């Protein structure tokens, strides 16, 4: 059995550090030059050059064969996963254990990662890893818990045995699609908290954003068929709250930059990583056509995409107009 992590960015490298406590990790990169840089320095510049364990070996993706019992952890932006599944097919790699650690869905259709992967790789045993897991805290060995979701109960116990350690513990769920959908939306509300932070507001407003945000989050998740137990679980509400309160959250950072006067593109550039809340904003806004009561989501989307200059007025007016 090998553990392969596809994606040598901030999140993929964090998972490599975490799981290398017990196992050798093969960290797959886009090209050989990137792998050579990581191996020669034994650090990744995308993660502040933190020293990597000797158990971590970087290599160009698909440079070694994947076996049936190997665990392949997918840690790339969700928008790239469909092309990754095509690469698996091109390299005749169709039977292994896949653990998706990416958050997001296909924006035009709300197609989840599990649906994308399993529609082309039918022999893959699939699980999803999601929850309140801020990368910097994991690197600092601060305790966390995530959800492993799979319809294959035996696989869940197997993955727990292999991946769980003194830092990261797991809960189980069989609601794979619900967990994936829940993870995709929470970034919007962290963007709003970041905006409030950038405007100089404090915890009173943060609390309102999270309260009203959770209400709209539940409305959207119910509409999409996500069970209430998932909505209020650690991969739902838990992840939403964590993303909102963490100053290390890329979604919150993005919102703060917007409120400080940066354009959408400038704010994205300053964050320097994928901001899934931005990607999801327009997709979720389309649900307003179904007469869902989501004024906060509509406000956040308007600010992001309509170049609203007076963010303070737009946010406060929306919050003040929300009622029970």
Protein backbone atom coordinates (compact mmCIF):
# COMPACT_ATOMS: atom_id res chain seq x y z
CA UNK A 1 0.00 0.00 0.00
CA UNK A 2 1.21 3.50 -0.93
CA UNK A 3 -0.21 6.91 -0.12
CA UNK A 4 -0.09 9.31 -3.06
CA UNK A 5 -1.17 12.94 -2.72
CA UNK A 6 -1.99 14.70 -5.98
CA UNK A 7 -1.36 18.42 -5.62
CA UNK A 8 1.75 19.98 -4.09
CA UNK A 9 0.13 23.29 -3.15
CA UNK A 10 -0.60 24.59 0.32
CA UNK A 11 -3.27 21.99 1.15
CA UNK A 12 -1.64 18.99 -0.50
CA UNK A 13 1.67 19.67 1.22
CA UNK A 14 -0.11 20.13 4.56
CA UNK A 15 -1.72 16.71 4.18
CA UNK A 16 1.65 15.24 3.22
CA UNK A 17 3.19 16.63 6.41
CA UNK A 18 0.26 15.35 8.47
CA UNK A 19 0.17 11.82 7.10
CA UNK A 20 3.96 11.44 6.90
CA UNK A 21 3.94 11.03 10.68
CA UNK A 22 3.05 7.35 10.10
CA UNK A 23 3.69 6.66 6.41
CA UNK A 24 5.87 7.36 3.42
CA UNK A 25 4.08 9.89 1.20
CA UNK A 26 4.46 10.38 -2.55
CA UNK A 27 3.62 14.01 -3.29
CA UNK A 28 2.73 14.36 -6.96
CA UNK A 29 3.51 17.62 -8.72
CA UNK A 30 2.70 19.10 -12.13
CA UNK A 31 6.22 18.63 -13.50
CA UNK A 32 9.62 17.23 -12.63
CA UNK A 33 11.20 20.65 -12.02
CA UNK A 34 8.75 21.35 -9.20
CA UNK A 35 9.42 17.91 -7.70
CA UNK A 36 13.17 18.45 -7.90
CA UNK A 37 12.90 21.83 -6.13
CA UNK A 38 10.88 20.33 -3.29
CA UNK A 39 13.22 17.35 -2.91
CA UNK A 40 16.45 19.34 -3.12
CA UNK A 41 15.34 21.91 -0.54
CA UNK A 42 13.19 19.46 1.39
CA UNK A 43 10.67 22.28 1.65
CA UNK A 44 7.85 23.78 -0.38
CA UNK A 45 7.93 27.55 -1.03
CA UNK A 46 4.12 27.50 -1.24
CA UNK A 47 4.08 26.57 2.45
CA UNK A 48 6.61 29.11 3.74
CA UNK A 49 9.47 26.64 3.19
CA UNK A 50 8.54 24.61 6.26
CA UNK A 51 10.91 21.67 6.62
CA UNK A 52 9.43 18.47 5.20
CA UNK A 53 9.79 15.01 6.68
CA UNK A 54 12.16 12.52 5.06
CA UNK A 55 9.02 10.42 4.55
CA UNK A 56 7.82 12.86 1.86
CA UNK A 57 9.03 12.24 -1.69
CA UNK A 58 7.94 14.66 -4.41
CA UNK A 59 7.66 13.36 -7.96
CA UNK A 60 5.98 14.23 -11.24
CA UNK A 61 2.43 12.89 -11.36
CA UNK A 62 1.95 9.43 -12.88
CA UNK A 63 5.66 8.70 -12.61
CA UNK A 64 4.90 5.46 -10.75
CA UNK A 65 2.20 2.82 -11.07
CA UNK A 66 -0.89 2.99 -8.86
CA UNK A 67 -1.94 -0.32 -7.34
CA UNK A 68 -5.41 -1.48 -6.36
CA UNK A 69 -4.83 -0.98 -2.63
CA UNK A 70 -3.07 2.40 -2.93
CA UNK A 71 -4.67 5.48 -1.38
CA UNK A 72 -4.72 8.44 -3.77
CA UNK A 73 -5.60 11.70 -2.02
CA UNK A 74 -6.83 14.41 -4.39
CA UNK A 75 -5.81 17.89 -3.21
CA UNK A 76 -6.15 20.07 -6.29
CA UNK A 77 -8.80 22.73 -7.05
CA UNK A 78 -12.12 21.06 -7.81
CA UNK A 79 -12.31 22.72 -11.24
CA UNK A 80 -9.29 20.63 -12.32
CA UNK A 81 -10.62 17.25 -11.22
CA UNK A 82 -12.48 16.37 -14.42
CA UNK A 83 -9.26 16.72 -16.43
CA UNK A 84 -7.47 14.67 -13.74
CA UNK A 85 -9.95 11.81 -14.22
CA UNK A 86 -9.10 11.88 -17.93
CA UNK A 87 -5.41 11.61 -17.02
CA UNK A 88 -6.14 8.54 -14.91
CA UNK A 89 -7.81 6.95 -17.94
CA UNK A 90 -4.97 7.94 -20.27
CA UNK A 91 -2.46 6.33 -17.90
CA UNK A 92 -4.63 3.21 -17.48
CA UNK A 93 -5.07 3.87 -13.75
CA UNK A 94 -8.67 2.95 -13.04
CA UNK A 95 -8.74 0.88 -9.84
CA UNK A 96 -7.53 2.34 -6.54
CA UNK A 97 -8.79 4.09 -3.39
CA UNK A 98 -9.56 7.77 -4.03
CA UNK A 99 -9.91 10.24 -1.17
CA UNK A 100 -11.10 13.65 -2.27
CA UNK A 101 -9.76 16.44 -0.05
CA UNK A 102 -10.85 19.28 -2.34
CA UNK A 103 -13.86 21.50 -1.69
CA UNK A 104 -16.14 22.67 -4.46
CA UNK A 105 -18.49 21.51 -7.18
CA UNK A 106 -18.84 21.99 -10.94
CA UNK A 107 -20.28 25.47 -11.06
CA UNK A 108 -22.76 25.28 -13.91
CA UNK A 109 -24.35 21.98 -12.83
CA UNK A 110 -23.49 21.55 -9.10
CA UNK A 111 -21.95 18.20 -10.06
CA UNK A 112 -19.85 16.96 -7.15
CA UNK A 113 -16.34 15.52 -7.21
CA UNK A 114 -17.64 12.03 -6.42
CA UNK A 115 -20.02 12.22 -9.38
CA UNK A 116 -17.23 13.45 -11.65
CA UNK A 117 -14.76 10.75 -10.60
CA UNK A 118 -17.13 7.79 -10.46
CA UNK A 119 -18.79 8.59 -13.79
CA UNK A 120 -15.47 7.77 -15.48
CA UNK A 121 -13.66 5.57 -12.97
CA UNK A 122 -16.29 3.04 -11.92
CA UNK A 123 -13.87 0.67 -10.15
CA UNK A 124 -12.51 3.33 -7.81
CA UNK A 125 -13.39 3.04 -4.13
CA UNK A 126 -14.26 6.64 -3.24
CA UNK A 127 -14.26 8.63 -0.01
CA UNK A 128 -14.46 12.32 0.77
CA UNK A 129 -12.48 14.12 3.49
CA UNK A 130 -14.01 17.37 4.69
CA UNK A 131 -14.37 19.52 7.77
CA UNK A 132 -12.90 22.40 9.77
CA UNK A 133 -9.24 21.86 8.91
CA UNK A 134 -7.21 25.07 8.66
CA UNK A 135 -3.86 24.11 7.15
CA UNK A 136 -1.65 26.24 9.39
CA UNK A 137 -3.17 24.76 12.54
CA UNK A 138 -2.60 21.20 11.32
CA UNK A 139 1.04 22.01 10.57
CA UNK A 140 1.38 23.34 14.12
CA UNK A 141 0.05 19.97 15.38
CA UNK A 142 -3.09 21.55 16.82
CA UNK A 143 -5.95 19.03 17.18
CA UNK A 144 -8.69 18.78 14.57
CA UNK A 145 -11.49 16.49 13.48
CA UNK A 146 -12.82 15.93 9.96
CA UNK A 147 -15.49 13.80 8.32
CA UNK A 148 -14.69 10.80 6.15
CA UNK A 149 -17.68 10.11 3.92
CA UNK A 150 -18.19 7.01 1.80
CA UNK A 151 -20.97 4.59 0.94
CA UNK A 152 -18.41 1.84 1.60
CA UNK A 153 -18.42 1.36 5.38
CA UNK A 154 -15.50 -1.08 5.31
CA UNK A 155 -13.46 1.54 3.46
CA UNK A 156 -14.21 4.12 6.16
CA UNK A 157 -12.78 1.92 8.92
CA UNK A 158 -9.77 1.09 6.75
CA UNK A 159 -9.02 4.76 6.03
CA UNK A 160 -9.43 5.64 9.68
CA UNK A 161 -6.84 3.03 10.62
CA UNK A 162 -4.38 4.30 8.00
CA UNK A 163 -4.85 8.08 8.14
CA UNK A 164 -5.90 8.95 11.69
CA UNK A 165 -3.14 10.16 14.00
CA UNK A 166 -2.61 12.22 17.15
CA UNK A 167 -3.50 15.47 15.35
CA UNK A 168 -6.40 14.56 13.04
CA UNK A 169 -9.35 12.39 14.09
CA UNK A 170 -12.36 11.36 12.00
CA UNK A 171 -16.12 11.04 12.15
CA UNK A 172 -17.91 8.88 9.58
CA UNK A 173 -20.75 9.65 7.20
CA UNK A 174 -22.38 7.82 4.31
CA UNK A 175 -23.79 11.08 2.92
CA UNK A 176 -21.05 11.65 0.35
CA UNK A 177 -22.89 14.12 -1.88
CA UNK A 178 -24.33 16.05 1.06
CA UNK A 179 -20.89 16.47 2.61
CA UNK A 180 -19.50 17.71 -0.72
CA UNK A 181 -22.32 20.21 -1.24
CA UNK A 182 -22.06 21.46 2.34
CA UNK A 183 -18.34 22.12 1.94
CA UNK A 184 -18.81 24.13 -1.23
CA UNK A 185 -20.99 26.95 0.14
CA UNK A 186 -19.54 27.98 3.48
CA UNK A 187 -16.81 30.17 1.93
CA UNK A 188 -19.34 32.85 0.95
CA UNK A 189 -20.05 33.75 4.56
CA UNK A 190 -16.35 33.86 5.44
CA UNK A 191 -15.96 36.41 2.62
CA UNK A 192 -18.67 38.52 4.30
CA UNK A 193 -16.94 38.27 7.69
CA UNK A 194 -13.70 39.30 5.98
CA UNK A 195 -15.43 42.32 4.47
CA UNK A 196 -16.64 43.33 7.94
CA UNK A 197 -13.13 42.86 9.31
CA UNK A 198 -11.71 45.06 6.55
CA UNK A 199 -14.29 47.74 7.36
CA UNK A 200 -13.18 47.77 10.99
CA UNK A 201 -16.25 46.04 12.41
CA UNK A 202 -15.89 43.64 15.31
CA UNK A 203 -17.54 40.58 16.79
CA UNK A 204 -21.10 41.96 17.05
CA UNK A 205 -21.38 42.06 13.26
CA UNK A 206 -19.38 38.83 12.84
CA UNK A 207 -21.99 37.09 14.97
CA UNK A 208 -24.83 38.48 12.86
CA UNK A 209 -23.17 37.40 9.62
CA UNK A 210 -22.67 33.86 10.92
CA UNK A 211 -26.22 33.64 12.31
CA UNK A 212 -27.93 34.90 9.16
CA UNK A 213 -25.41 33.02 7.03
CA UNK A 214 -26.19 29.74 8.77
CA UNK A 215 -29.90 30.35 8.25
CA UNK A 216 -29.42 30.84 4.49
CA UNK A 217 -26.95 27.96 4.39
CA UNK A 218 -29.65 25.66 5.79
CA UNK A 219 -32.20 26.98 3.26
CA UNK A 220 -29.91 26.24 0.30
CA UNK A 221 -28.79 22.85 1.63
CA UNK A 222 -32.39 21.75 2.26
CA UNK A 223 -33.32 22.81 -1.27
CA UNK A 224 -30.45 20.69 -2.62
CA UNK A 225 -31.59 17.69 -0.59
CA UNK A 226 -28.83 17.70 2.01
CA UNK A 227 -29.93 16.08 5.32
CA UNK A 228 -30.20 18.38 8.33
CA UNK A 229 -27.70 16.17 10.21
CA UNK A 230 -25.08 17.02 7.57
CA UNK A 231 -25.95 20.73 7.62
CA UNK A 232 -25.36 20.92 11.38
CA UNK A 233 -22.43 18.48 11.47
CA UNK A 234 -18.75 19.34 11.62
CA UNK A 235 -18.41 19.30 7.82
CA UNK A 236 -21.34 21.72 7.59
CA UNK A 237 -21.85 24.23 10.38
CA UNK A 238 -18.50 23.33 11.94
CA UNK A 239 -16.59 24.14 8.77
CA UNK A 240 -18.66 27.29 8.18
CA UNK A 241 -17.90 28.70 11.64
CA UNK A 242 -14.22 27.79 11.45
CA UNK A 243 -13.81 29.38 8.03
CA UNK A 244 -15.51 32.55 9.27
CA UNK A 245 -13.50 33.00 12.48
CA UNK A 246 -10.07 31.98 11.19
CA UNK A 247 -7.86 34.86 10.05
CA UNK A 248 -5.95 32.26 8.03
CA UNK A 249 -9.03 31.48 5.91
CA UNK A 250 -8.41 32.44 2.29
CA UNK A 251 -12.09 33.34 1.89
CA UNK A 252 -11.95 35.72 4.84
CA UNK A 253 -8.70 37.24 3.56
CA UNK A 254 -10.30 37.83 0.16
CA UNK A 255 -13.27 39.64 1.72
CA UNK A 256 -10.97 41.79 3.82
CA UNK A 257 -8.97 42.86 0.76
CA UNK A 258 -12.20 43.77 -1.06
CA UNK A 259 -13.28 45.99 1.83
CA UNK A 260 -9.86 47.65 1.83
CA UNK A 261 -10.46 48.86 -1.72
CA UNK A 262 -8.87 46.17 -3.87
CA UNK A 263 -10.70 44.97 -6.97
CA UNK A 264 -11.88 41.36 -7.18
CA UNK A 265 -8.89 40.36 -9.33
CA UNK A 266 -6.42 42.24 -7.12
CA UNK A 267 -7.85 40.62 -4.00
CA UNK A 268 -7.59 37.16 -5.57
CA UNK A 269 -3.98 37.87 -6.52
CA UNK A 270 -3.13 38.99 -2.99
CA UNK A 271 -4.62 35.82 -1.51
CA UNK A 272 -2.54 33.83 -4.00
CA UNK A 273 -4.60 30.64 -3.72
CA UNK A 274 -7.95 29.33 -4.90
CA UNK A 275 -10.86 31.11 -3.17
CA UNK A 276 -13.75 28.68 -3.50
CA UNK A 277 -16.31 31.14 -2.14
CA UNK A 278 -15.82 33.35 -5.20
CA UNK A 279 -16.19 30.41 -7.56
CA UNK A 280 -19.43 29.36 -5.90
CA UNK A 281 -21.04 32.78 -5.54
CA UNK A 282 -22.68 33.05 -8.96
CA UNK A 283 -23.71 29.41 -8.95
CA UNK A 284 -25.58 29.72 -5.67
CA UNK A 285 -27.08 33.05 -6.70
CA UNK A 286 -28.84 31.25 -9.57
CA UNK A 287 -30.92 29.49 -6.92
CA UNK A 288 -32.63 32.82 -6.18
CA UNK A 289 -34.76 32.03 -9.24
CA UNK A 290 -36.46 29.40 -7.11
CA UNK A 291 -37.69 32.08 -4.68
CA UNK A 292 -35.31 31.06 -1.92
CA UNK A 293 -34.93 33.69 0.79
CA UNK A 294 -31.17 34.29 0.61
CA UNK A 295 -30.63 38.09 0.86
CA UNK A 296 -27.17 37.83 2.44
CA UNK A 297 -25.92 35.50 -0.30
CA UNK A 298 -27.37 37.88 -2.90
CA UNK A 299 -25.62 40.83 -1.24
CA UNK A 300 -22.23 39.07 -1.10
CA UNK A 301 -22.52 38.04 -4.74
CA UNK A 302 -23.46 41.57 -5.79
CA UNK A 303 -20.45 43.05 -4.00
CA UNK A 304 -18.07 40.53 -5.56
CA UNK A 305 -19.26 40.75 -9.15
CA UNK A 306 -20.80 44.20 -9.57
CA UNK A 307 -17.82 46.21 -8.32
CA UNK A 308 -19.77 47.81 -5.47
CA UNK A 309 -17.70 50.65 -4.02
CA UNK A 310 -19.72 51.35 -0.86
CA UNK A 311 -19.43 47.88 0.65
CA UNK A 312 -20.25 49.18 4.13
CA UNK A 313 -23.61 50.60 3.08
CA UNK A 314 -24.52 47.52 1.02
CA UNK A 315 -23.75 45.08 3.85
CA UNK A 316 -25.30 47.05 6.70
CA UNK A 317 -28.47 47.80 4.73
CA UNK A 318 -28.86 44.10 3.91
CA UNK A 319 -28.25 43.00 7.50
CA UNK A 320 -30.69 45.59 8.89
CA UNK A 321 -33.40 44.50 6.46
CA UNK A 322 -33.18 40.82 7.39
CA UNK A 323 -35.92 39.77 9.77
CA UNK A 324 -37.29 36.60 11.26
